[in-house]
Amino acid sequence: MKTERWGNIGSKFAHLTSVHPCYNEKAHFTTARIHLPVAPRCNIQCNYCIRKLDKCEHRPGVAGAILNPREALIRVDKYIKDIPNLRVVGIAGPGESLANEDTFETLRLVHEKYPDLIKCVASNGLVLAENVDRLVEVGVTSVTVTINAVDPEVGAKIYSFVRYHDKTYKGVEGAKLLIENQFLGVKKASEAGLNVKVNTVLIPEINFEQVKEIAKRSAENGAILMNIIPLIPLQKFEKERAPECDELTMARTIAEEFLPQFRLCRQCRADAIGVPGVEPCGSPVQQRASGEYYHA
């Protein structure tokens, strides 16, 4: 099953999967990417997330500084010269990419000057469906959507609030709205020809039992790849435990019935630059013989 599913991805999205370091295990160690930190605002609050400006901390939601679109283009100009194997430009925060107009302007500028670079965005999916056409217009070919639950009761434990079209929703109501929009976004993005990867933060005491259904529904709506990453205990979840290595392996094995699993995620900063597989990581990492990464 695993070989067959990876083969299907390779045939349909061969160019992307051969050069994108977050989609392809070989490219992870050979291809460079640059994250442009142009998106500080967010429209939801995950209970494990703290957005901050910091030059040392290595995790999602962190950047050394926020750039405007012109500054972001200048940064691409610099590193496209310095790093010959730079092939991917991504926007992954430090907030929600699609809640910031500078995301679209940055991508437009980069695409006009560097049409051959792969453009990708990371999103919580809340407003993905209504922005798919805009993403296509600015050259985006891949989207990563973080989906942590299918049951609103579980989602209510993970999200403090959801801010949608100037109205704030909390509890089950907010989680239900977010989850519905996430899967609709996956579907619309896939139908538009975008390559959709789903990330899931594994919070063992809260959403382990959700993993199978997340994978199933994501696949049904057109996702091509899944990336289950361990909780980094922060914010309201600072006392929640991160998953053990065997729990992470089990979750990936369960989900692989429906979607291929990417096992090399480094949980990058919002301003990461370089080849992911050869970068130092901010949290302790064990690399087992299987090639999987486990964050302690």
Protein backbone atom coordinates (compact mmCIF):
# COMPACT_ATOMS: atom_id res chain seq x y z
CA MET A 1 0.00 0.00 0.00
CA LYS A 2 2.78 2.43 0.92
CA THR A 3 4.72 1.87 -2.30
CA GLU A 4 1.57 2.14 -4.40
CA ARG A 5 0.48 5.43 -2.84
CA TRP A 6 3.91 7.03 -3.16
CA GLY A 7 4.01 5.83 -6.76
CA ASN A 8 0.71 7.53 -7.51
CA ILE A 9 2.01 10.81 -6.13
CA GLY A 10 5.19 10.52 -8.13
CA SER A 11 3.35 10.03 -11.40
CA LYS A 12 0.85 12.85 -10.99
CA PHE A 13 3.04 15.44 -9.29
CA ALA A 14 6.48 14.26 -10.38
CA HIS A 15 8.10 17.68 -10.72
CA LEU A 16 6.98 18.91 -7.31
CA THR A 17 7.72 15.73 -5.40
CA SER A 18 11.16 15.40 -6.94
CA VAL A 19 12.42 18.83 -5.84
CA HIS A 20 10.34 19.98 -2.85
CA PRO A 21 12.20 19.20 0.41
CA CYS A 22 8.94 18.98 2.38
CA TYR A 23 7.37 16.48 -0.02
CA ASN A 24 10.29 14.31 -1.10
CA GLU A 25 12.70 12.44 1.15
CA LYS A 26 15.67 12.77 -1.21
CA ALA A 27 15.05 16.45 -1.88
CA HIS A 28 14.90 16.99 1.88
CA PHE A 29 18.67 16.50 1.92
CA THR A 30 19.57 18.21 -1.36
CA THR A 31 17.16 21.06 -2.11
CA ALA A 32 17.07 24.42 -0.34
CA ARG A 33 13.99 26.42 0.54
CA ILE A 34 13.44 29.90 1.91
CA HIS A 35 10.60 30.93 4.21
CA LEU A 36 9.61 34.58 3.99
CA PRO A 37 8.26 35.93 7.32
CA VAL A 38 5.67 38.36 5.99
CA ALA A 39 2.55 37.11 7.80
CA PRO A 40 2.45 38.08 11.50
CA ARG A 41 -1.32 38.13 12.06
CA CYS A 42 -3.38 35.03 12.82
CA ASN A 43 -7.10 34.30 12.78
CA ILE A 44 -7.17 31.44 15.28
CA GLN A 45 -5.41 30.69 18.56
CA CYS A 46 -4.01 27.19 18.93
CA ASN A 47 -3.37 26.26 22.53
CA TYR A 48 0.16 25.09 21.68
CA CYS A 49 1.24 28.18 19.73
CA ILE A 50 3.17 31.27 20.74
CA ARG A 51 4.08 33.64 17.92
CA LYS A 52 7.19 35.65 18.65
CA LEU A 53 10.21 37.44 17.26
CA ASP A 54 13.32 35.59 18.31
CA LYS A 55 16.65 34.97 16.60
CA CYS A 56 17.48 31.76 18.46
CA GLU A 57 14.37 29.66 19.04
CA HIS A 58 13.85 26.98 16.39
CA ARG A 59 10.18 26.13 15.90
CA PRO A 60 7.11 27.22 13.91
CA GLY A 61 5.67 30.61 14.79
CA VAL A 62 9.08 32.22 15.28
CA ALA A 63 11.00 34.68 13.12
CA GLY A 64 13.82 37.12 13.66
CA ALA A 65 11.88 39.98 12.07
CA ILE A 66 8.81 40.63 9.94
CA LEU A 67 9.49 41.65 6.35
CA ASN A 68 7.36 43.67 3.98
CA PRO A 69 6.91 42.32 0.43
CA ARG A 70 9.75 44.39 -1.07
CA GLU A 71 12.12 43.33 1.69
CA ALA A 72 11.09 39.73 1.14
CA LEU A 73 11.90 39.97 -2.57
CA ILE A 74 15.30 41.45 -1.76
CA ARG A 75 15.94 38.50 0.53
CA VAL A 76 15.09 36.09 -2.28
CA ASP A 77 17.39 38.05 -4.61
CA LYS A 78 20.24 37.60 -2.16
CA TYR A 79 19.84 33.91 -1.45
CA ILE A 80 19.07 32.86 -5.00
CA LYS A 81 22.65 33.98 -5.71
CA ASP A 82 24.17 32.52 -2.55
CA ILE A 83 22.41 29.13 -2.64
CA PRO A 84 22.49 27.51 -6.08
CA ASN A 85 20.11 24.70 -5.09
CA LEU A 86 17.39 27.06 -3.80
CA ARG A 87 14.22 25.91 -5.53
CA VAL A 88 11.33 26.64 -3.15
CA VAL A 89 9.88 29.86 -1.70
CA GLY A 90 7.39 29.38 1.10
CA ILE A 91 5.33 31.51 3.46
CA ALA A 92 4.69 29.88 6.80
CA GLY A 93 3.85 32.69 9.15
CA PRO A 94 4.79 33.38 11.78
CA GLY A 95 1.00 33.83 11.84
CA GLU A 96 -1.61 32.61 9.37
CA SER A 97 -0.39 33.15 5.82
CA LEU A 98 -3.84 33.77 4.35
CA ALA A 99 -4.84 36.29 7.03
CA ASN A 100 -2.17 38.70 5.76
CA GLU A 101 -2.44 40.65 2.50
CA ASP A 102 1.35 40.89 2.37
CA THR A 103 1.41 37.16 1.67
CA PHE A 104 -0.27 37.63 -1.69
CA GLU A 105 1.77 40.69 -2.64
CA THR A 106 5.00 38.91 -1.73
CA LEU A 107 4.10 35.88 -3.78
CA ARG A 108 3.12 38.09 -6.71
CA LEU A 109 6.46 39.88 -6.67
CA VAL A 110 8.43 36.66 -6.35
CA HIS A 111 6.45 34.92 -9.08
CA GLU A 112 6.89 37.82 -11.50
CA LYS A 113 10.66 37.77 -11.07
CA TYR A 114 11.21 34.05 -10.47
CA PRO A 115 8.43 32.12 -12.22
CA ASP A 116 10.41 28.87 -12.13
CA LEU A 117 10.70 28.78 -8.34
CA ILE A 118 8.16 26.61 -6.54
CA LYS A 119 5.84 28.69 -4.36
CA CYS A 120 4.05 27.21 -1.36
CA VAL A 121 2.12 28.39 1.67
CA ALA A 122 1.23 26.93 5.05
CA SER A 123 -2.27 27.60 6.38
CA ASN A 124 -4.69 26.65 9.12
CA GLY A 125 -7.29 26.36 6.37
CA LEU A 126 -9.90 28.71 7.83
CA VAL A 127 -10.04 30.94 4.75
CA LEU A 128 -8.32 28.66 2.26
CA ALA A 129 -11.38 27.89 0.13
CA GLU A 130 -12.11 31.55 -0.54
CA ASN A 131 -8.48 32.28 -1.43
CA VAL A 132 -7.65 29.38 -3.74
CA ASP A 133 -8.06 31.44 -6.91
CA ARG A 134 -5.80 34.15 -5.55
CA LEU A 135 -3.12 31.61 -4.70
CA VAL A 136 -3.22 30.18 -8.20
CA GLU A 137 -2.92 33.69 -9.66
CA VAL A 138 0.32 34.37 -7.76
CA GLY A 139 1.93 31.09 -8.76
CA VAL A 140 1.37 28.89 -5.73
CA THR A 141 1.49 25.18 -6.53
CA SER A 142 1.40 23.58 -3.09
CA VAL A 143 -0.42 24.22 0.16
CA THR A 144 0.06 22.69 3.59
CA VAL A 145 -3.02 22.71 5.82
CA THR A 146 -2.74 21.94 9.53
CA ILE A 147 -5.75 19.86 10.64
CA ASN A 148 -5.74 18.61 14.22
CA ALA A 149 -9.25 17.20 14.67
CA VAL A 150 -12.40 16.08 12.89
CA ASP A 151 -14.58 16.10 16.02
CA PRO A 152 -15.49 19.65 17.15
CA GLU A 153 -15.52 18.48 20.77
CA VAL A 154 -11.86 17.55 20.41
CA GLY A 155 -11.10 20.67 18.41
CA ALA A 156 -12.56 22.80 21.19
CA LYS A 157 -9.77 21.51 23.44
CA ILE A 158 -7.11 22.55 20.93
CA TYR A 159 -8.30 26.01 19.81
CA SER A 160 -9.05 28.93 22.13
CA PHE A 161 -10.87 30.92 19.47
CA VAL A 162 -11.53 31.23 15.76
CA ARG A 163 -11.80 34.69 14.19
CA TYR A 164 -13.77 34.53 10.95
CA HIS A 165 -14.96 37.55 8.95
CA ASP A 166 -14.67 39.90 11.93
CA LYS A 167 -16.56 37.63 14.31
CA THR A 168 -15.01 35.55 17.08
CA TYR A 169 -16.18 31.98 17.72
CA LYS A 170 -15.16 29.87 20.70
CA GLY A 171 -15.57 26.33 21.96
CA VAL A 172 -17.33 23.71 19.86
CA GLU A 173 -18.88 26.36 17.61
CA GLY A 174 -15.49 27.74 16.64
CA ALA A 175 -13.92 24.33 16.20
CA LYS A 176 -16.81 23.14 14.02
CA LEU A 177 -16.49 26.17 11.75
CA LEU A 178 -12.74 25.71 11.44
CA ILE A 179 -12.91 21.98 10.70
CA GLU A 180 -15.61 22.41 8.06
CA ASN A 181 -13.62 25.17 6.37
CA GLN A 182 -10.41 23.16 6.52
CA PHE A 183 -11.77 20.19 4.59
CA LEU A 184 -13.59 22.48 2.17
CA GLY A 185 -10.30 24.28 1.61
CA VAL A 186 -8.46 21.03 0.96
CA LYS A 187 -11.13 20.06 -1.56
CA LYS A 188 -11.17 23.40 -3.38
CA ALA A 189 -7.38 23.61 -3.48
CA SER A 190 -7.07 20.10 -4.83
CA GLU A 191 -9.74 20.71 -7.45
CA ALA A 192 -7.81 23.82 -8.55
CA GLY A 193 -4.74 21.70 -9.18
CA LEU A 194 -2.80 22.59 -6.04
CA ASN A 195 -0.82 19.89 -4.28
CA VAL A 196 -2.18 19.62 -0.75
CA LYS A 197 -0.27 18.25 2.20
CA VAL A 198 -1.98 17.94 5.58
CA ASN A 199 -0.04 18.51 8.80
CA THR A 200 -1.34 17.18 12.10
CA VAL A 201 0.14 18.10 15.47
CA LEU A 202 0.03 14.93 17.55
CA ILE A 203 -1.15 15.71 21.08
CA PRO A 204 -1.27 12.20 22.54
CA GLU A 205 -3.74 12.81 25.35
CA ILE A 206 -6.13 14.79 23.15
CA ASN A 207 -6.17 13.92 19.44
CA PHE A 208 -4.42 10.57 18.94
CA GLU A 209 -7.74 8.89 18.16
CA GLN A 210 -8.49 11.57 15.55
CA VAL A 211 -5.51 10.76 13.34
CA LYS A 212 -7.11 7.99 11.30
CA GLU A 213 -10.20 10.02 10.42
CA ILE A 214 -8.13 13.12 9.64
CA ALA A 215 -6.11 11.08 7.15
CA LYS A 216 -9.22 9.46 5.67
CA ARG A 217 -11.15 12.69 5.17
CA SER A 218 -8.09 14.52 3.89
CA ALA A 219 -7.51 11.84 1.26
CA GLU A 220 -11.19 11.88 0.29
CA ASN A 221 -10.94 15.63 -0.29
CA GLY A 222 -7.83 15.42 -2.44
CA ALA A 223 -4.79 15.68 -0.17
CA ILE A 224 -1.77 13.77 -1.46
CA LEU A 225 0.50 13.63 1.59
CA MET A 226 0.34 13.79 5.38
CA ASN A 227 2.90 15.00 7.91
CA ILE A 228 2.24 14.09 11.55
CA ILE A 229 4.43 16.19 13.82
CA PRO A 230 4.92 16.01 17.58
CA LEU A 231 3.51 18.58 19.96
CA ILE A 232 6.01 21.13 21.23
CA PRO A 233 4.49 21.86 24.68
CA LEU A 234 3.97 25.62 24.85
CA GLN A 235 1.37 28.20 25.85
CA LYS A 236 -1.75 26.57 27.38
CA PHE A 237 -0.33 23.17 26.47
CA GLU A 238 2.97 23.67 28.23
CA LYS A 239 2.07 20.88 30.66
CA GLU A 240 0.85 18.51 27.94
CA ARG A 241 3.36 15.81 27.12
CA ALA A 242 4.89 15.40 23.70
CA PRO A 243 4.31 12.02 22.06
CA GLU A 244 6.77 9.21 22.59
CA CYS A 245 8.63 7.94 19.53
CA ASP A 246 6.52 4.78 19.40
CA GLU A 247 3.30 6.83 19.57
CA LEU A 248 4.43 8.94 16.64
CA THR A 249 5.33 5.81 14.69
CA MET A 250 1.96 4.25 15.48
CA ALA A 251 0.05 7.36 14.42
CA ARG A 252 1.92 7.49 11.12
CA THR A 253 1.33 3.80 10.51
CA ILE A 254 -2.41 4.18 11.16
CA ALA A 255 -2.68 7.21 8.89
CA GLU A 256 -0.68 5.58 6.12
CA GLU A 257 -3.66 3.41 5.28
CA PHE A 258 -5.09 6.51 3.62
CA LEU A 259 -2.19 8.86 2.85
CA PRO A 260 1.58 8.55 2.37
CA GLN A 261 3.47 9.88 5.37
CA PHE A 262 6.28 12.43 5.29
CA ARG A 263 8.58 11.54 8.17
CA LEU A 264 11.37 14.10 8.00
CA CYS A 265 9.72 17.36 9.10
CA ARG A 266 12.06 19.65 11.05
CA GLN A 267 9.29 21.93 12.38
CA CYS A 268 11.01 24.96 10.85
CA ARG A 269 11.02 28.61 11.77
CA ALA A 270 9.00 31.07 9.72
CA ASP A 271 12.26 32.51 8.34
CA ALA A 272 14.16 29.28 7.70
CA ILE A 273 16.66 29.26 4.84
CA GLY A 274 18.64 26.32 3.51
CA VAL A 275 18.43 22.57 3.04
CA PRO A 276 16.19 21.17 5.81
CA GLY A 277 17.96 17.83 6.11
CA VAL A 278 21.36 19.35 6.87
CA GLU A 279 20.25 22.10 9.25
CA PRO A 280 20.65 22.00 13.02
CA CYS A 281 17.37 21.58 14.86
CA GLY A 282 16.28 23.62 17.87
CA SER A 283 14.83 20.69 19.80
CA PRO A 284 16.53 17.35 20.52
CA VAL A 285 16.16 15.00 17.59
CA GLN A 286 16.81 11.30 17.23
CA GLN A 287 17.36 9.97 13.74
CA ARG A 288 16.65 6.27 13.67
CA ALA A 289 17.67 3.74 11.08
CA SER A 290 14.28 4.19 9.41
CA GLY A 291 15.19 7.78 8.56
CA GLU A 292 12.31 9.17 10.61
CA TYR A 293 12.75 12.20 12.84
CA TYR A 294 11.50 12.16 16.41
CA HIS A 295 11.44 15.39 18.39
CA ALA A 296 11.79 14.93 22.13
